Structures are given as C-alpha cells and as structure tokens.
Amino acid sequence: MSEPILQLDNVSFAFPDKTVIENLSYTLEKGAFLSIVGENGVGKTTLMKMVLQELKPSNGRVRFLPNRNSVEIGYVPQFRNIDPEYPLSIRDFIGLNFAGFRTPWLTKKERQRVGELLTETKLTGVSDRPLGQASGGEKQKAYLAQALLDNPNLLILDESTASLDPVAKTELLDLVKSLNQRLGLTVIFVTHDIPLARHYSDQYLFLTPGTYEAGPISALSDEKVAKMNNA
C-alpha cells in the first residue's frame, strides 16, 4: 500500500478581493508524478507557495508525512533569463547551495556531489561554460541539478518548462521522469501544457475557479479539459 508524503486538508486561500482556492483536499503518495494543471489565475502558484510554506492557508492545513522533517523539498523555478555576463560557470552555480560565497573551497565530498549531478543532468560537457552563455535548456538543467543537491524526496517543478523549446522541455522532463522511476522521487509538476502532463505524469490535479478535480492521468480527456475550463 502506498504511503502519503503530502496531505492537503480542506485547504482554502483568499486574497482580500477574491478566494482562489476553496476546500481543496488531496493526498500525494510517495513516488507519484503529479501534474497540477489549470488556466492562469486559478491558484496553482498560490497552492505551491502554501506547500513551500511561503503562504499560510486561510483555512485548512498542509501536512507533510510522517512529519515536516522527513520531507526534503527541491524546487525548480520557471525559466528566468540570466544576464549573458553572469560569470559563474554551470559547475559553480550548482554548488552555490553548498557554498554560499565560498565556491572555490567546497569540500571533496561536496565537489563529488556536484560532479554526480552534472553527470545525472547531462551537463558534464558544458560544466565550465558561464551560466549566462548557456542555452535555456542548459540553464533549467542547472536549476534542476541545484534542486537535487540535498537529495530531496519531493521535487517541485513550478512552470519549469515554460518558455523552453520542445527539445529542451523533453530533455528536462526525461531526466525528471528517470529520477522518479529509478529513485522513487515524488514529483509535482505545475504546468499549462496538458500534452506534457499526459506524457510524463501518472496523476493530475486540475484547478478551476472555486473547484478542482483529481485522478489518474489516463482520465484527463480532451472533453474533460474543455468542460473544466468552461465551468
């Protein structure tokens, strides 16, 4: 029987002028690949901020199981354009989570971990390239590697494939799916891209204004998407 890693208990969140999430309950099982889908403004980002404990629910609660200390979260943000003059290499950028500003003085164990992640994310061949001169796909892989540094058991991709070309999207999600299947890494993928969600995830949570629906990804038909978006 599957074990839960995250429990949303009747979670609601309201801004002063509107409620964006209302009485949402959901159990995320360990090892799942969940896509959270829905149009702009339905609360996907707000929900992730509650999971990351950057926002507190207006009602209900977000629970990590068996407890908060047992869940290590890795977070991959939406693509952000980086100044072409940004000087750090891909290798040094990944090591920032270890290093702060002491990059040249990483321990042998830390350097080894960075090397493992360069291999895992297929960045070894470009590891000395300045991040500012890397392609969009390489930048997102570097963010993924950085998110994996502390061996998380829950990985959140927050619109992480938006603005990437189709090849870069596939390469990034192939890496994530491999981690999900080989290591049992639990994944939350926030996306507008229904075809991508169908291809990579096994569960979905569809948010619409004031309501939601969840189930196996095989149940997310075109008819259901159209109906939910027009609700």
C-alpha atoms as a PDB file:
ATOM      1  CA  MET A   1       0.000   0.000   0.000  1.00  0.00           C
ATOM      2  CA  SER A   2       1.317   3.450  -0.918  1.00  0.00           C
ATOM      3  CA  GLU A   3       2.386   5.880   1.760  1.00  0.00           C
ATOM      4  CA  PRO A   4       1.408   9.551   1.666  1.00  0.00           C
ATOM      5  CA  ILE A   5       4.086  12.238   1.659  1.00  0.00           C
ATOM      6  CA  LEU A   6       1.832  15.320   1.487  1.00  0.00           C
ATOM      7  CA  GLN A   7      -1.718  15.877   2.692  1.00  0.00           C
ATOM      8  CA  LEU A   8      -3.883  18.888   1.860  1.00  0.00           C
ATOM      9  CA  ASP A   9      -6.794  19.041   4.304  1.00  0.00           C
ATOM     10  CA  ASN A  10      -9.667  21.300   3.177  1.00  0.00           C
ATOM     11  CA  VAL A  11      -7.199  23.991   2.175  1.00  0.00           C
ATOM     12  CA  SER A  12      -8.510  27.428   1.224  1.00  0.00           C
ATOM     13  CA  PHE A  13      -6.750  30.661   0.405  1.00  0.00           C
ATOM     14  CA  ALA A  14      -8.305  34.076  -0.062  1.00  0.00           C
ATOM     15  CA  PHE A  15      -6.812  37.385  -1.075  1.00  0.00           C
ATOM     16  CA  PRO A  16      -8.643  40.491   0.169  1.00  0.00           C
ATOM     17  CA  ASP A  17     -10.574  40.740  -3.088  1.00  0.00           C
ATOM     18  CA  LYS A  18     -11.125  37.088  -4.005  1.00  0.00           C
ATOM     19  CA  THR A  19     -10.864  33.450  -2.974  1.00  0.00           C
ATOM     20  CA  VAL A  20      -8.538  31.495  -5.258  1.00  0.00           C
ATOM     21  CA  ILE A  21      -8.603  28.061  -3.588  1.00  0.00           C
ATOM     22  CA  GLU A  22     -11.558  26.700  -1.655  1.00  0.00           C
ATOM     23  CA  ASN A  23     -11.778  23.497   0.414  1.00  0.00           C
ATOM     24  CA  LEU A  24      -9.158  21.586  -1.546  1.00  0.00           C
ATOM     25  CA  SER A  25      -8.295  18.149  -0.176  1.00  0.00           C
ATOM     26  CA  TYR A  26      -5.664  15.952  -1.789  1.00  0.00           C
ATOM     27  CA  THR A  27      -3.269  13.192  -0.761  1.00  0.00           C
ATOM     28  CA  LEU A  28       0.021  12.888  -2.629  1.00  0.00           C
ATOM     29  CA  GLU A  29       1.559   9.424  -2.448  1.00  0.00           C
ATOM     30  CA  LYS A  30       5.277   8.769  -2.266  1.00  0.00           C
ATOM     31  CA  GLY A  31       6.736   8.104  -5.706  1.00  0.00           C
ATOM     32  CA  ALA A  32       3.879   9.771  -7.595  1.00  0.00           C
ATOM     33  CA  PHE A  33       4.377  12.095 -10.558  1.00  0.00           C
ATOM     34  CA  LEU A  34       1.583  14.646 -10.158  1.00  0.00           C
ATOM     35  CA  SER A  35       0.769  17.350 -12.688  1.00  0.00           C
ATOM     36  CA  ILE A  36      -1.122  20.378 -11.388  1.00  0.00           C
ATOM     37  CA  VAL A  37      -2.902  21.940 -14.341  1.00  0.00           C
ATOM     38  CA  GLY A  38      -5.343  24.762 -14.975  1.00  0.00           C
ATOM     39  CA  GLU A  39      -5.544  28.153 -16.583  1.00  0.00           C
ATOM     40  CA  ASN A  40      -3.946  31.352 -15.301  1.00  0.00           C
ATOM     41  CA  GLY A  41      -5.399  32.748 -12.094  1.00  0.00           C
ATOM     42  CA  VAL A  42      -6.846  29.515 -10.682  1.00  0.00           C
ATOM     43  CA  GLY A  43      -4.357  29.261  -7.815  1.00  0.00           C
ATOM     44  CA  LYS A  44      -1.568  26.960  -8.996  1.00  0.00           C
ATOM     45  CA  THR A  45       1.191  29.303  -7.823  1.00  0.00           C
ATOM     46  CA  THR A  46      -0.690  30.082  -4.610  1.00  0.00           C
ATOM     47  CA  LEU A  47      -1.010  26.376  -3.865  1.00  0.00           C
ATOM     48  CA  MET A  48       2.719  25.832  -4.399  1.00  0.00           C
ATOM     49  CA  LYS A  49       3.520  28.745  -2.097  1.00  0.00           C
ATOM     50  CA  MET A  50       1.431  27.070   0.601  1.00  0.00           C
ATOM     51  CA  VAL A  51       3.265  23.775   0.073  1.00  0.00           C
ATOM     52  CA  LEU A  52       6.577  25.663   0.293  1.00  0.00           C
ATOM     53  CA  GLN A  53       5.250  27.388   3.440  1.00  0.00           C
ATOM     54  CA  GLU A  54       5.650  30.825   1.896  1.00  0.00           C
ATOM     55  CA  LEU A  55       1.907  31.397   2.383  1.00  0.00           C
ATOM     56  CA  LYS A  56      -0.359  30.175   5.166  1.00  0.00           C
ATOM     57  CA  PRO A  57      -3.788  28.770   4.222  1.00  0.00           C
ATOM     58  CA  SER A  58      -6.787  30.913   5.142  1.00  0.00           C
ATOM     59  CA  ASN A  59      -8.399  27.661   6.278  1.00  0.00           C
ATOM     60  CA  GLY A  60      -7.350  24.029   6.436  1.00  0.00           C
ATOM     61  CA  ARG A  61      -3.803  22.795   6.643  1.00  0.00           C
ATOM     62  CA  VAL A  62      -0.883  21.452   4.651  1.00  0.00           C
ATOM     63  CA  ARG A  63       0.726  18.398   6.254  1.00  0.00           C
ATOM     64  CA  PHE A  64       3.940  16.574   5.426  1.00  0.00           C
ATOM     65  CA  LEU A  65       4.033  12.907   6.365  1.00  0.00           C
ATOM     66  CA  PRO A  66       5.082  11.377   8.604  1.00  0.00           C
ATOM     67  CA  ASN A  67       6.339  14.854   9.659  1.00  0.00           C
ATOM     68  CA  ARG A  68       7.835  18.025   8.200  1.00  0.00           C
ATOM     69  CA  ASN A  69      11.411  16.994   8.970  1.00  0.00           C
ATOM     70  CA  SER A  70      11.005  13.820   6.910  1.00  0.00           C
ATOM     71  CA  VAL A  71      10.346  15.733   3.671  1.00  0.00           C
ATOM     72  CA  GLU A  72      13.193  17.476   1.839  1.00  0.00           C
ATOM     73  CA  ILE A  73      11.898  19.673  -0.984  1.00  0.00           C
ATOM     74  CA  GLY A  74      13.798  20.503  -4.158  1.00  0.00           C
ATOM     75  CA  TYR A  75      12.414  23.400  -6.196  1.00  0.00           C
ATOM     76  CA  VAL A  76      12.959  24.183  -9.881  1.00  0.00           C
ATOM     77  CA  PRO A  77      11.612  27.643 -10.815  1.00  0.00           C
ATOM     78  CA  GLN A  78      10.126  28.944 -14.019  1.00  0.00           C
ATOM     79  CA  PHE A  79      12.746  29.812 -16.622  1.00  0.00           C
ATOM     80  CA  ARG A  80      14.412  33.120 -15.814  1.00  0.00           C
ATOM     81  CA  ASN A  81      16.583  34.910 -18.305  1.00  0.00           C
ATOM     82  CA  ILE A  82      20.070  35.353 -16.857  1.00  0.00           C
ATOM     83  CA  ASP A  83      22.393  38.200 -17.803  1.00  0.00           C
ATOM     84  CA  PRO A  84      24.777  36.994 -20.532  1.00  0.00           C
ATOM     85  CA  GLU A  85      27.609  38.452 -18.443  1.00  0.00           C
ATOM     86  CA  TYR A  86      26.721  36.298 -15.414  1.00  0.00           C
ATOM     87  CA  PRO A  87      30.187  34.991 -14.557  1.00  0.00           C
ATOM     88  CA  LEU A  88      29.677  31.746 -12.645  1.00  0.00           C
ATOM     89  CA  SER A  89      30.187  28.507 -14.530  1.00  0.00           C
ATOM     90  CA  ILE A  90      27.433  25.911 -14.575  1.00  0.00           C
ATOM     91  CA  ARG A  91      29.504  23.805 -12.162  1.00  0.00           C
ATOM     92  CA  ASP A  92      29.952  26.667  -9.677  1.00  0.00           C
ATOM     93  CA  PHE A  93      26.293  27.699  -9.966  1.00  0.00           C
ATOM     94  CA  ILE A  94      25.152  24.209  -8.997  1.00  0.00           C
ATOM     95  CA  GLY A  95      27.494  24.290  -5.996  1.00  0.00           C
ATOM     96  CA  LEU A  96      26.071  27.580  -4.702  1.00  0.00           C
ATOM     97  CA  ASN A  97      23.571  25.772  -2.487  1.00  0.00           C
ATOM     98  CA  PHE A  98      26.528  24.175  -0.725  1.00  0.00           C
ATOM     99  CA  ALA A  99      28.807  27.119  -0.835  1.00  0.00           C
ATOM    100  CA  GLY A 100      27.195  30.490  -0.483  1.00  0.00           C
ATOM    101  CA  PHE A 101      30.161  32.601  -1.497  1.00  0.00           C
ATOM    102  CA  ARG A 102      32.882  30.061  -0.760  1.00  0.00           C
ATOM    103  CA  THR A 103      32.684  28.223  -4.094  1.00  0.00           C
ATOM    104  CA  PRO A 104      36.429  27.598  -4.522  1.00  0.00           C
ATOM    105  CA  TRP A 105      36.519  25.981  -1.090  1.00  0.00           C
ATOM    106  CA  LEU A 106      33.972  23.213  -1.468  1.00  0.00           C
ATOM    107  CA  THR A 107      34.910  20.061   0.377  1.00  0.00           C
ATOM    108  CA  LYS A 108      35.941  16.982  -1.560  1.00  0.00           C
ATOM    109  CA  LYS A 109      32.581  15.377  -0.747  1.00  0.00           C
ATOM    110  CA  GLU A 110      30.700  18.452  -1.982  1.00  0.00           C
ATOM    111  CA  ARG A 111      32.711  18.602  -5.219  1.00  0.00           C
ATOM    112  CA  GLN A 112      31.983  14.910  -5.739  1.00  0.00           C
ATOM    113  CA  ARG A 113      28.251  15.518  -5.281  1.00  0.00           C
ATOM    114  CA  VAL A 114      28.311  18.364  -7.812  1.00  0.00           C
ATOM    115  CA  GLY A 115      30.116  16.059 -10.249  1.00  0.00           C
ATOM    116  CA  GLU A 116      27.475  13.360  -9.760  1.00  0.00           C
ATOM    117  CA  LEU A 117      24.715  15.844 -10.550  1.00  0.00           C
ATOM    118  CA  LEU A 118      26.500  17.152 -13.628  1.00  0.00           C
ATOM    119  CA  THR A 119      26.511  13.564 -14.876  1.00  0.00           C
ATOM    120  CA  GLU A 120      22.897  12.954 -13.803  1.00  0.00           C
ATOM    121  CA  THR A 121      21.669  16.041 -15.650  1.00  0.00           C
ATOM    122  CA  LYS A 122      23.948  15.520 -18.672  1.00  0.00           C
ATOM    123  CA  LEU A 123      25.815  18.786 -18.125  1.00  0.00           C
ATOM    124  CA  THR A 124      29.343  17.409 -17.723  1.00  0.00           C
ATOM    125  CA  GLY A 125      30.406  18.506 -21.209  1.00  0.00           C
ATOM    126  CA  VAL A 126      29.363  22.121 -20.602  1.00  0.00           C
ATOM    127  CA  SER A 127      30.149  22.346 -16.876  1.00  0.00           C
ATOM    128  CA  ASP A 128      32.759  25.101 -17.324  1.00  0.00           C
ATOM    129  CA  ARG A 129      30.532  27.232 -19.558  1.00  0.00           C
ATOM    130  CA  PRO A 130      29.395  30.520 -17.941  1.00  0.00           C
ATOM    131  CA  LEU A 131      25.746  30.099 -16.998  1.00  0.00           C
ATOM    132  CA  GLY A 132      24.906  33.381 -18.730  1.00  0.00           C
ATOM    133  CA  GLN A 133      26.040  31.873 -22.041  1.00  0.00           C
ATOM    134  CA  ALA A 134      24.210  28.573 -21.615  1.00  0.00           C
ATOM    135  CA  SER A 135      21.084  27.690 -23.589  1.00  0.00           C
ATOM    136  CA  GLY A 136      17.669  27.855 -21.948  1.00  0.00           C
ATOM    137  CA  GLY A 137      17.592  24.078 -21.583  1.00  0.00           C
ATOM    138  CA  GLU A 138      21.059  24.010 -20.023  1.00  0.00           C
ATOM    139  CA  LYS A 139      20.061  26.711 -17.539  1.00  0.00           C
ATOM    140  CA  GLN A 140      16.999  24.742 -16.450  1.00  0.00           C
ATOM    141  CA  LYS A 141      19.062  21.570 -16.092  1.00  0.00           C
ATOM    142  CA  ALA A 142      21.439  23.569 -13.878  1.00  0.00           C
ATOM    143  CA  TYR A 143      18.484  24.665 -11.730  1.00  0.00           C
ATOM    144  CA  LEU A 144      17.370  21.020 -11.593  1.00  0.00           C
ATOM    145  CA  ALA A 145      20.840  19.902 -10.511  1.00  0.00           C
ATOM    146  CA  GLN A 146      20.886  22.612  -7.844  1.00  0.00           C
ATOM    147  CA  ALA A 147      17.467  21.451  -6.599  1.00  0.00           C
ATOM    148  CA  LEU A 148      18.774  17.872  -6.313  1.00  0.00           C
ATOM    149  CA  LEU A 149      21.866  18.831  -4.319  1.00  0.00           C
ATOM    150  CA  ASP A 150      20.434  17.911  -0.914  1.00  0.00           C
ATOM    151  CA  ASN A 151      18.828  14.651  -2.073  1.00  0.00           C
ATOM    152  CA  PRO A 152      15.182  15.777  -1.879  1.00  0.00           C
ATOM    153  CA  ASN A 153      12.361  13.263  -1.705  1.00  0.00           C
ATOM    154  CA  LEU A 154       9.854  15.777  -3.122  1.00  0.00           C
ATOM    155  CA  LEU A 155      10.693  17.737  -6.280  1.00  0.00           C
ATOM    156  CA  ILE A 156       8.556  20.694  -7.368  1.00  0.00           C
ATOM    157  CA  LEU A 157       8.760  21.990 -10.940  1.00  0.00           C
ATOM    158  CA  ASP A 158       6.896  25.299 -10.982  1.00  0.00           C
ATOM    159  CA  GLU A 159       6.160  26.026 -14.655  1.00  0.00           C
ATOM    160  CA  SER A 160       9.781  24.981 -15.185  1.00  0.00           C
ATOM    161  CA  THR A 161       9.304  24.113 -18.863  1.00  0.00           C
ATOM    162  CA  ALA A 162       7.540  27.355 -19.827  1.00  0.00           C
ATOM    163  CA  SER A 163       9.470  29.324 -22.476  1.00  0.00           C
ATOM    164  CA  LEU A 164      11.655  26.330 -23.376  1.00  0.00           C
ATOM    165  CA  ASP A 165      11.710  24.905 -26.887  1.00  0.00           C
ATOM    166  CA  PRO A 166      10.160  21.437 -27.386  1.00  0.00           C
ATOM    167  CA  VAL A 167      13.511  19.613 -27.352  1.00  0.00           C
ATOM    168  CA  ALA A 168      14.613  21.296 -24.116  1.00  0.00           C
ATOM    169  CA  LYS A 169      11.250  20.513 -22.488  1.00  0.00           C
ATOM    170  CA  THR A 170      11.582  16.846 -23.398  1.00  0.00           C
ATOM    171  CA  GLU A 171      15.189  16.616 -22.216  1.00  0.00           C
ATOM    172  CA  LEU A 172      14.370  18.197 -18.842  1.00  0.00           C
ATOM    173  CA  LEU A 173      11.308  16.059 -18.186  1.00  0.00           C
ATOM    174  CA  ASP A 174      13.032  12.881 -19.374  1.00  0.00           C
ATOM    175  CA  LEU A 175      15.615  13.493 -16.638  1.00  0.00           C
ATOM    176  CA  VAL A 176      12.921  14.109 -14.035  1.00  0.00           C
ATOM    177  CA  LYS A 177      10.922  11.042 -15.083  1.00  0.00           C
ATOM    178  CA  SER A 178      14.060   8.908 -14.851  1.00  0.00           C
ATOM    179  CA  LEU A 179      14.653  10.121 -11.278  1.00  0.00           C
ATOM    180  CA  ASN A 180      11.011   9.442 -10.469  1.00  0.00           C
ATOM    181  CA  GLN A 181      11.180   5.881 -11.789  1.00  0.00           C
ATOM    182  CA  ARG A 182      14.677   4.905 -10.612  1.00  0.00           C
ATOM    183  CA  LEU A 183      14.764   6.569  -7.216  1.00  0.00           C
ATOM    184  CA  GLY A 184      11.094   6.832  -6.345  1.00  0.00           C
ATOM    185  CA  LEU A 185      11.388  10.632  -6.254  1.00  0.00           C
ATOM    186  CA  THR A 186       7.969  12.225  -5.745  1.00  0.00           C
ATOM    187  CA  VAL A 187       7.318  14.950  -8.325  1.00  0.00           C
ATOM    188  CA  ILE A 188       4.872  17.856  -8.522  1.00  0.00           C
ATOM    189  CA  PHE A 189       4.847  19.410 -11.989  1.00  0.00           C
ATOM    190  CA  VAL A 190       2.914  22.675 -12.336  1.00  0.00           C
ATOM    191  CA  THR A 191       2.115  23.302 -15.992  1.00  0.00           C
ATOM    192  CA  HIS A 192      -0.273  24.721 -18.578  1.00  0.00           C
ATOM    193  CA  ASP A 193       0.835  22.053 -21.033  1.00  0.00           C
ATOM    194  CA  ILE A 194      -1.741  19.252 -20.991  1.00  0.00           C
ATOM    195  CA  PRO A 195       0.100  17.048 -23.553  1.00  0.00           C
ATOM    196  CA  LEU A 196       3.283  17.220 -21.449  1.00  0.00           C
ATOM    197  CA  ALA A 197       1.307  16.386 -18.318  1.00  0.00           C
ATOM    198  CA  ARG A 198      -0.246  13.377 -20.033  1.00  0.00           C
ATOM    199  CA  HIS A 199       3.097  12.119 -21.304  1.00  0.00           C
ATOM    200  CA  TYR A 200       5.063  12.278 -18.067  1.00  0.00           C
ATOM    201  CA  SER A 201       2.757  12.177 -15.063  1.00  0.00           C
ATOM    202  CA  ASP A 202       0.608   9.456 -13.558  1.00  0.00           C
ATOM    203  CA  GLN A 203      -1.777  11.690 -11.562  1.00  0.00           C
ATOM    204  CA  TYR A 204      -3.396  15.064 -12.147  1.00  0.00           C
ATOM    205  CA  LEU A 205      -4.924  17.830 -10.061  1.00  0.00           C
ATOM    206  CA  PHE A 206      -6.974  20.177 -12.246  1.00  0.00           C
ATOM    207  CA  LEU A 207      -7.722  23.564 -10.689  1.00  0.00           C
ATOM    208  CA  THR A 208     -10.550  25.796 -11.885  1.00  0.00           C
ATOM    209  CA  PRO A 209     -12.043  28.886 -10.224  1.00  0.00           C
ATOM    210  CA  GLY A 210     -13.539  27.705  -6.947  1.00  0.00           C
ATOM    211  CA  THR A 211     -13.260  23.978  -7.580  1.00  0.00           C
ATOM    212  CA  TYR A 212     -10.915  21.176  -8.602  1.00  0.00           C
ATOM    213  CA  GLU A 213     -10.773  17.609  -9.866  1.00  0.00           C
ATOM    214  CA  ALA A 214      -8.135  14.925  -9.401  1.00  0.00           C
ATOM    215  CA  GLY A 215      -7.456  11.425 -10.654  1.00  0.00           C
ATOM    216  CA  PRO A 216      -5.210   9.201 -12.756  1.00  0.00           C
ATOM    217  CA  ILE A 217      -3.759  10.992 -15.764  1.00  0.00           C
ATOM    218  CA  SER A 218      -5.480   8.497 -18.086  1.00  0.00           C
ATOM    219  CA  ALA A 219      -8.801  10.081 -17.080  1.00  0.00           C
ATOM    220  CA  LEU A 220      -7.773  13.571 -18.228  1.00  0.00           C
ATOM    221  CA  SER A 221      -9.522  13.573 -21.608  1.00  0.00           C
ATOM    222  CA  ASP A 222      -9.815  16.490 -24.031  1.00  0.00           C
ATOM    223  CA  GLU A 223     -13.534  16.587 -23.252  1.00  0.00           C
ATOM    224  CA  LYS A 224     -12.824  16.874 -19.523  1.00  0.00           C
ATOM    225  CA  VAL A 225     -10.276  19.648 -20.073  1.00  0.00           C
ATOM    226  CA  ALA A 226     -12.780  21.606 -22.176  1.00  0.00           C
ATOM    227  CA  LYS A 227     -15.544  21.069 -19.621  1.00  0.00           C
ATOM    228  CA  MET A 228     -13.358  22.103 -16.672  1.00  0.00           C
ATOM    229  CA  ASN A 229     -12.068  25.211 -18.437  1.00  0.00           C
ATOM    230  CA  ASN A 230     -15.626  26.259 -19.291  1.00  0.00           C
ATOM    231  CA  ALA A 231     -17.018  25.538 -15.826  1.00  0.00           C
END
